[in-house]
């Protein structure tokens, strides 16, 4: 994990602890694939200050990560990797793919702050930035198997993970670290599109 605070600039990558949290998330097994992360019944707010539930993300492949906007090192790197994935996707798959960032910081990362971050990072209309309450963020981190903890200074220790979901919200690829090759994600999305 990386100790990430507004002035962080050192890289320490740790191993993730495996977690299977689908059973503990609120589910509607009649309507949702049992392996979908969209089973989480939490409500998030996007950068346009609109309420979003996770099933509304279905119908597109999702390239997803958990970040916080005042992170000084790891999170901007993860976003840059995701932007490179977006650039390298073949057009037909790019049209079927969206990019989602979920903030660890329920208190600071308001819709307004997420909007500023989106503009500052030059993220286009295919990006959704989400803020939720602490319980929703914790449940989402469990579903995506992303460990994190808050530091006394307001920053976060967190794993650096990009998760690729199919159109039903099932995990098809999980990439860890700050040296992820975008081509690996592109190959996973191309393979999913052939199924």
C-alpha atoms as a PDB file:
ATOM      1  CA  UNK A   1       0.000   0.000   0.000  1.00  0.00           C
ATOM      2  CA  UNK A   2       1.037   3.580  -0.454  1.00  0.00           C
ATOM      3  CA  UNK A   3       0.906   6.159   2.283  1.00  0.00           C
ATOM      4  CA  UNK A   4      -0.838   8.855   0.320  1.00  0.00           C
ATOM      5  CA  UNK A   5      -1.384  12.334   1.631  1.00  0.00           C
ATOM      6  CA  UNK A   6      -1.450  15.691  -0.102  1.00  0.00           C
ATOM      7  CA  UNK A   7       2.338  15.904  -0.068  1.00  0.00           C
ATOM      8  CA  UNK A   8       3.133  12.234  -0.636  1.00  0.00           C
ATOM      9  CA  UNK A   9       5.865  11.575  -3.147  1.00  0.00           C
ATOM     10  CA  UNK A  10       7.349   8.191  -2.230  1.00  0.00           C
ATOM     11  CA  UNK A  11       6.302   4.861  -3.666  1.00  0.00           C
ATOM     12  CA  UNK A  12       5.753   1.769  -1.520  1.00  0.00           C
ATOM     13  CA  UNK A  13       3.651  -0.959  -3.043  1.00  0.00           C
ATOM     14  CA  UNK A  14       2.268  -3.644  -0.749  1.00  0.00           C
ATOM     15  CA  UNK A  15       0.343  -6.801  -1.330  1.00  0.00           C
ATOM     16  CA  UNK A  16      -3.411  -6.868  -1.138  1.00  0.00           C
ATOM     17  CA  UNK A  17      -5.236  -9.115   1.227  1.00  0.00           C
ATOM     18  CA  UNK A  18      -7.797 -11.201  -0.652  1.00  0.00           C
ATOM     19  CA  UNK A  19     -11.396 -10.469   0.203  1.00  0.00           C
ATOM     20  CA  UNK A  20     -14.642 -11.954  -0.982  1.00  0.00           C
ATOM     21  CA  UNK A  21     -17.314  -9.500   0.051  1.00  0.00           C
ATOM     22  CA  UNK A  22     -20.150 -10.167  -2.342  1.00  0.00           C
ATOM     23  CA  UNK A  23     -21.895 -12.246   0.291  1.00  0.00           C
ATOM     24  CA  UNK A  24     -21.818  -9.397   2.789  1.00  0.00           C
ATOM     25  CA  UNK A  25     -23.033  -6.704   0.378  1.00  0.00           C
ATOM     26  CA  UNK A  26     -26.714  -5.941   0.098  1.00  0.00           C
ATOM     27  CA  UNK A  27     -27.991  -7.980  -2.822  1.00  0.00           C
ATOM     28  CA  UNK A  28     -30.990  -8.614  -4.968  1.00  0.00           C
ATOM     29  CA  UNK A  29     -30.121 -12.063  -6.228  1.00  0.00           C
ATOM     30  CA  UNK A  30     -33.261 -12.270  -8.388  1.00  0.00           C
ATOM     31  CA  UNK A  31     -32.279  -9.352 -10.627  1.00  0.00           C
ATOM     32  CA  UNK A  32     -28.490  -9.286 -10.451  1.00  0.00           C
ATOM     33  CA  UNK A  33     -25.728 -11.651 -11.496  1.00  0.00           C
ATOM     34  CA  UNK A  34     -24.378 -13.171  -8.251  1.00  0.00           C
ATOM     35  CA  UNK A  35     -20.828 -12.176  -9.221  1.00  0.00           C
ATOM     36  CA  UNK A  36     -21.638  -8.560 -10.050  1.00  0.00           C
ATOM     37  CA  UNK A  37     -20.242  -5.728  -7.945  1.00  0.00           C
ATOM     38  CA  UNK A  38     -23.402  -3.857  -8.898  1.00  0.00           C
ATOM     39  CA  UNK A  39     -25.215  -5.814  -6.163  1.00  0.00           C
ATOM     40  CA  UNK A  40     -24.120  -3.130  -3.713  1.00  0.00           C
ATOM     41  CA  UNK A  41     -27.243  -1.105  -2.944  1.00  0.00           C
ATOM     42  CA  UNK A  42     -25.441   2.049  -1.912  1.00  0.00           C
ATOM     43  CA  UNK A  43     -26.122   5.426  -3.463  1.00  0.00           C
ATOM     44  CA  UNK A  44     -23.184   7.526  -4.647  1.00  0.00           C
ATOM     45  CA  UNK A  45     -23.002  11.115  -5.902  1.00  0.00           C
ATOM     46  CA  UNK A  46     -21.188  11.932  -9.134  1.00  0.00           C
ATOM     47  CA  UNK A  47     -19.205  15.005 -10.169  1.00  0.00           C
ATOM     48  CA  UNK A  48     -22.401  16.579 -11.528  1.00  0.00           C
ATOM     49  CA  UNK A  49     -24.006  16.280  -8.066  1.00  0.00           C
ATOM     50  CA  UNK A  50     -26.395  13.572  -9.291  1.00  0.00           C
ATOM     51  CA  UNK A  51     -27.239  10.479  -7.267  1.00  0.00           C
ATOM     52  CA  UNK A  52     -25.980   7.291  -8.900  1.00  0.00           C
ATOM     53  CA  UNK A  53     -26.571   3.671  -8.009  1.00  0.00           C
ATOM     54  CA  UNK A  54     -24.123   1.107  -9.311  1.00  0.00           C
ATOM     55  CA  UNK A  55     -26.511  -0.793 -11.625  1.00  0.00           C
ATOM     56  CA  UNK A  56     -26.775   2.428 -13.658  1.00  0.00           C
ATOM     57  CA  UNK A  57     -23.179   1.732 -14.755  1.00  0.00           C
ATOM     58  CA  UNK A  58     -24.187  -1.530 -16.445  1.00  0.00           C
ATOM     59  CA  UNK A  59     -24.277  -1.835 -20.210  1.00  0.00           C
ATOM     60  CA  UNK A  60     -20.669  -0.669 -20.636  1.00  0.00           C
ATOM     61  CA  UNK A  61     -17.326  -2.137 -19.744  1.00  0.00           C
ATOM     62  CA  UNK A  62     -15.951  -0.227 -16.749  1.00  0.00           C
ATOM     63  CA  UNK A  63     -12.336   0.580 -15.980  1.00  0.00           C
ATOM     64  CA  UNK A  64     -12.549   1.423 -12.293  1.00  0.00           C
ATOM     65  CA  UNK A  65     -10.225   2.605  -9.523  1.00  0.00           C
ATOM     66  CA  UNK A  66     -10.450   4.019  -6.025  1.00  0.00           C
ATOM     67  CA  UNK A  67      -8.607   7.270  -5.369  1.00  0.00           C
ATOM     68  CA  UNK A  68      -8.880  10.540  -3.445  1.00  0.00           C
ATOM     69  CA  UNK A  69      -8.427  13.956  -4.983  1.00  0.00           C
ATOM     70  CA  UNK A  70      -5.831  15.378  -2.587  1.00  0.00           C
ATOM     71  CA  UNK A  71      -3.476  12.443  -3.149  1.00  0.00           C
ATOM     72  CA  UNK A  72      -0.128  13.785  -4.267  1.00  0.00           C
ATOM     73  CA  UNK A  73       1.425  10.800  -5.995  1.00  0.00           C
ATOM     74  CA  UNK A  74      -0.229   7.420  -6.466  1.00  0.00           C
ATOM     75  CA  UNK A  75      -3.747   8.503  -7.425  1.00  0.00           C
ATOM     76  CA  UNK A  76      -2.692  10.848 -10.245  1.00  0.00           C
ATOM     77  CA  UNK A  77      -0.515   8.016 -11.549  1.00  0.00           C
ATOM     78  CA  UNK A  78      -3.457   5.589 -11.514  1.00  0.00           C
ATOM     79  CA  UNK A  79      -5.592   8.155 -13.380  1.00  0.00           C
ATOM     80  CA  UNK A  80      -2.817   8.635 -15.963  1.00  0.00           C
ATOM     81  CA  UNK A  81      -2.656   4.869 -16.525  1.00  0.00           C
ATOM     82  CA  UNK A  82      -6.422   4.792 -17.010  1.00  0.00           C
ATOM     83  CA  UNK A  83      -6.205   7.685 -19.481  1.00  0.00           C
ATOM     84  CA  UNK A  84      -3.582   5.733 -21.430  1.00  0.00           C
ATOM     85  CA  UNK A  85      -5.867   2.688 -21.455  1.00  0.00           C
ATOM     86  CA  UNK A  86      -8.605   4.908 -22.889  1.00  0.00           C
ATOM     87  CA  UNK A  87      -6.271   6.229 -25.595  1.00  0.00           C
ATOM     88  CA  UNK A  88      -5.053   2.769 -26.584  1.00  0.00           C
ATOM     89  CA  UNK A  89      -8.460   1.116 -26.913  1.00  0.00           C
ATOM     90  CA  UNK A  90      -9.628   0.345 -30.447  1.00  0.00           C
ATOM     91  CA  UNK A  91     -12.489   2.697 -31.323  1.00  0.00           C
ATOM     92  CA  UNK A  92     -15.182  -0.006 -31.338  1.00  0.00           C
ATOM     93  CA  UNK A  93     -14.282  -1.073 -27.777  1.00  0.00           C
ATOM     94  CA  UNK A  94     -13.673   2.469 -26.572  1.00  0.00           C
ATOM     95  CA  UNK A  95     -17.279   3.305 -27.452  1.00  0.00           C
ATOM     96  CA  UNK A  96     -18.402   0.476 -25.152  1.00  0.00           C
ATOM     97  CA  UNK A  97     -16.114   1.431 -22.239  1.00  0.00           C
ATOM     98  CA  UNK A  98     -16.474   3.927 -19.401  1.00  0.00           C
ATOM     99  CA  UNK A  99     -14.057   4.992 -16.668  1.00  0.00           C
ATOM    100  CA  UNK A 100     -15.071   5.314 -13.027  1.00  0.00           C
ATOM    101  CA  UNK A 101     -13.190   6.732 -10.050  1.00  0.00           C
ATOM    102  CA  UNK A 102     -14.546   6.178  -6.543  1.00  0.00           C
ATOM    103  CA  UNK A 103     -13.184   8.409  -3.802  1.00  0.00           C
ATOM    104  CA  UNK A 104     -11.943   7.054  -0.476  1.00  0.00           C
ATOM    105  CA  UNK A 105     -12.558  10.498   1.039  1.00  0.00           C
ATOM    106  CA  UNK A 106     -16.265  10.777   1.845  1.00  0.00           C
ATOM    107  CA  UNK A 107     -15.826  14.074   3.658  1.00  0.00           C
ATOM    108  CA  UNK A 108     -13.562  16.151   1.400  1.00  0.00           C
ATOM    109  CA  UNK A 109     -14.361  14.826  -2.066  1.00  0.00           C
ATOM    110  CA  UNK A 110     -17.723  16.495  -2.599  1.00  0.00           C
ATOM    111  CA  UNK A 111     -19.359  16.672  -6.023  1.00  0.00           C
ATOM    112  CA  UNK A 112     -17.841  20.123  -6.495  1.00  0.00           C
ATOM    113  CA  UNK A 113     -14.367  18.846  -5.615  1.00  0.00           C
ATOM    114  CA  UNK A 114     -14.768  15.847  -7.927  1.00  0.00           C
ATOM    115  CA  UNK A 115     -15.822  18.181 -10.755  1.00  0.00           C
ATOM    116  CA  UNK A 116     -12.716  20.339 -10.208  1.00  0.00           C
ATOM    117  CA  UNK A 117     -10.548  17.217 -10.222  1.00  0.00           C
ATOM    118  CA  UNK A 118     -12.206  15.980 -13.415  1.00  0.00           C
ATOM    119  CA  UNK A 119     -11.517  19.300 -15.158  1.00  0.00           C
ATOM    120  CA  UNK A 120      -7.967  19.514 -13.805  1.00  0.00           C
ATOM    121  CA  UNK A 121      -7.153  15.979 -14.958  1.00  0.00           C
ATOM    122  CA  UNK A 122      -8.771  16.606 -18.389  1.00  0.00           C
ATOM    123  CA  UNK A 123     -11.256  13.751 -18.052  1.00  0.00           C
ATOM    124  CA  UNK A 124     -13.894  13.576 -20.762  1.00  0.00           C
ATOM    125  CA  UNK A 125     -17.587  12.654 -20.767  1.00  0.00           C
ATOM    126  CA  UNK A 126     -16.789   8.933 -20.489  1.00  0.00           C
ATOM    127  CA  UNK A 127     -15.531   9.395 -16.915  1.00  0.00           C
ATOM    128  CA  UNK A 128     -17.656   9.195 -13.780  1.00  0.00           C
ATOM    129  CA  UNK A 129     -16.279  10.286 -10.415  1.00  0.00           C
ATOM    130  CA  UNK A 130     -18.174   9.065  -7.370  1.00  0.00           C
ATOM    131  CA  UNK A 131     -18.395   9.970  -3.705  1.00  0.00           C
ATOM    132  CA  UNK A 132     -20.298   7.907  -1.151  1.00  0.00           C
ATOM    133  CA  UNK A 133     -20.702   7.704   2.583  1.00  0.00           C
ATOM    134  CA  UNK A 134     -18.063   5.826   4.574  1.00  0.00           C
ATOM    135  CA  UNK A 135     -20.080   2.597   4.663  1.00  0.00           C
ATOM    136  CA  UNK A 136     -20.634   2.606   0.887  1.00  0.00           C
ATOM    137  CA  UNK A 137     -16.962   3.312   0.197  1.00  0.00           C
ATOM    138  CA  UNK A 138     -15.863   0.539   2.562  1.00  0.00           C
ATOM    139  CA  UNK A 139     -18.255  -1.962   0.971  1.00  0.00           C
ATOM    140  CA  UNK A 140     -17.079  -0.993  -2.504  1.00  0.00           C
ATOM    141  CA  UNK A 141     -13.452  -1.406  -1.462  1.00  0.00           C
ATOM    142  CA  UNK A 142     -14.268  -4.893  -0.237  1.00  0.00           C
ATOM    143  CA  UNK A 143     -15.997  -5.834  -3.478  1.00  0.00           C
ATOM    144  CA  UNK A 144     -13.024  -4.570  -5.495  1.00  0.00           C
ATOM    145  CA  UNK A 145     -10.517  -5.979  -2.969  1.00  0.00           C
ATOM    146  CA  UNK A 146      -8.847  -2.615  -2.416  1.00  0.00           C
ATOM    147  CA  UNK A 147      -7.373  -2.205   1.061  1.00  0.00           C
ATOM    148  CA  UNK A 148      -7.212   1.263   2.557  1.00  0.00           C
ATOM    149  CA  UNK A 149      -7.031   3.081   5.862  1.00  0.00           C
ATOM    150  CA  UNK A 150      -7.211   6.738   6.791  1.00  0.00           C
ATOM    151  CA  UNK A 151      -4.133   8.452   8.233  1.00  0.00           C
ATOM    152  CA  UNK A 152      -4.202  10.973  11.108  1.00  0.00           C
ATOM    153  CA  UNK A 153      -3.302  13.801   8.681  1.00  0.00           C
ATOM    154  CA  UNK A 154      -6.357  13.095   6.517  1.00  0.00           C
ATOM    155  CA  UNK A 155      -4.517  11.164   3.809  1.00  0.00           C
ATOM    156  CA  UNK A 156      -4.964   7.462   3.092  1.00  0.00           C
ATOM    157  CA  UNK A 157      -2.854   4.342   2.899  1.00  0.00           C
ATOM    158  CA  UNK A 158      -4.275   2.454  -0.045  1.00  0.00           C
ATOM    159  CA  UNK A 159      -3.621  -0.276  -2.530  1.00  0.00           C
ATOM    160  CA  UNK A 160      -3.276   0.808  -6.141  1.00  0.00           C
ATOM    161  CA  UNK A 161      -5.672  -1.250  -8.201  1.00  0.00           C
ATOM    162  CA  UNK A 162      -7.421  -0.854 -11.532  1.00  0.00           C
ATOM    163  CA  UNK A 163     -10.375  -3.192 -11.927  1.00  0.00           C
ATOM    164  CA  UNK A 164     -12.007  -3.993 -15.251  1.00  0.00           C
ATOM    165  CA  UNK A 165     -15.665  -4.982 -15.179  1.00  0.00           C
ATOM    166  CA  UNK A 166     -17.755  -6.538 -17.892  1.00  0.00           C
ATOM    167  CA  UNK A 167     -21.071  -5.016 -18.903  1.00  0.00           C
ATOM    168  CA  UNK A 168     -22.864  -6.756 -16.026  1.00  0.00           C
ATOM    169  CA  UNK A 169     -20.401  -5.579 -13.382  1.00  0.00           C
ATOM    170  CA  UNK A 170     -18.412  -8.810 -13.079  1.00  0.00           C
ATOM    171  CA  UNK A 171     -14.670  -8.499 -12.549  1.00  0.00           C
ATOM    172  CA  UNK A 172     -12.760  -9.646 -15.615  1.00  0.00           C
ATOM    173  CA  UNK A 173      -9.322  -8.264 -14.756  1.00  0.00           C
ATOM    174  CA  UNK A 174      -7.584  -6.783 -11.744  1.00  0.00           C
ATOM    175  CA  UNK A 175      -4.312  -4.890 -12.217  1.00  0.00           C
ATOM    176  CA  UNK A 176      -2.150  -3.863  -9.267  1.00  0.00           C
ATOM    177  CA  UNK A 177       0.653  -1.351  -8.813  1.00  0.00           C
ATOM    178  CA  UNK A 178       1.846   1.863 -10.342  1.00  0.00           C
ATOM    179  CA  UNK A 179       3.669   0.287 -13.279  1.00  0.00           C
ATOM    180  CA  UNK A 180       0.616  -1.236 -14.967  1.00  0.00           C
ATOM    181  CA  UNK A 181       0.982  -1.593 -18.711  1.00  0.00           C
ATOM    182  CA  UNK A 182      -2.131  -0.202 -20.430  1.00  0.00           C
ATOM    183  CA  UNK A 183      -1.806  -2.917 -23.083  1.00  0.00           C
ATOM    184  CA  UNK A 184      -2.723  -5.540 -20.479  1.00  0.00           C
ATOM    185  CA  UNK A 185      -6.039  -3.829 -19.814  1.00  0.00           C
ATOM    186  CA  UNK A 186      -6.647  -3.316 -23.534  1.00  0.00           C
ATOM    187  CA  UNK A 187      -6.090  -7.035 -24.184  1.00  0.00           C
ATOM    188  CA  UNK A 188      -8.566  -7.948 -21.431  1.00  0.00           C
ATOM    189  CA  UNK A 189     -11.217  -5.660 -22.900  1.00  0.00           C
ATOM    190  CA  UNK A 190     -10.595  -6.971 -26.416  1.00  0.00           C
ATOM    191  CA  UNK A 191     -10.957 -10.548 -25.147  1.00  0.00           C
ATOM    192  CA  UNK A 192     -14.190  -9.685 -23.334  1.00  0.00           C
ATOM    193  CA  UNK A 193     -15.592  -8.051 -26.454  1.00  0.00           C
ATOM    194  CA  UNK A 194     -15.037 -11.276 -28.434  1.00  0.00           C
ATOM    195  CA  UNK A 195     -17.204 -13.350 -26.063  1.00  0.00           C
END
